[in-house]
Amino acid sequence: QVELVESGGGLVQPGGSLRLSCAVSGVTADVYVVGWFRQAPGKEREGVACIHSGDGSTYYLDSVKGRSTISRDNAKNTASLQLDNLKEEDTAVYYCGVDPWSVVNHVCPRVDVNFWGRGTQVTVSS
């Protein structure tokens, strides 16, 4: 049974930073895409950043490029997202998602995910 547990959300001021982490367990595929997705009130869920567990390829949403970094630790089965220079429009519930045997350019922009975490709230406000 696949389980994804997110941590690291919270309240942060504009311009601040935070780090989200996702603990992944139960994935039997040799490789998979793990990513961070977000959903703001009244908006569709969108892919923020994804990384491939095998080749390390990445995808970033245009609005977070240059101020975010996704990384993975295959030994610990974790994936992290560092978000810097946060803006109020980054406010959303952030979800960790995993899709086995896929590629980042399919999973992230299409939000095509087989397994979801429960989400963690990120609020950017002064």
Foldseek 3Di string as FASTA:
>chain_A
DKAKDKDWADEAAQQAKTKMKIAIDDDPAPKKKKFKWWDAPPGDIATAKIAIPPPGDMDGDPVQPPFKDWDADVVRRMIMMMGGSDDQVVWTWMKMFMDHPDDHVCCGGVVDGDDIHPTDTHGYHD
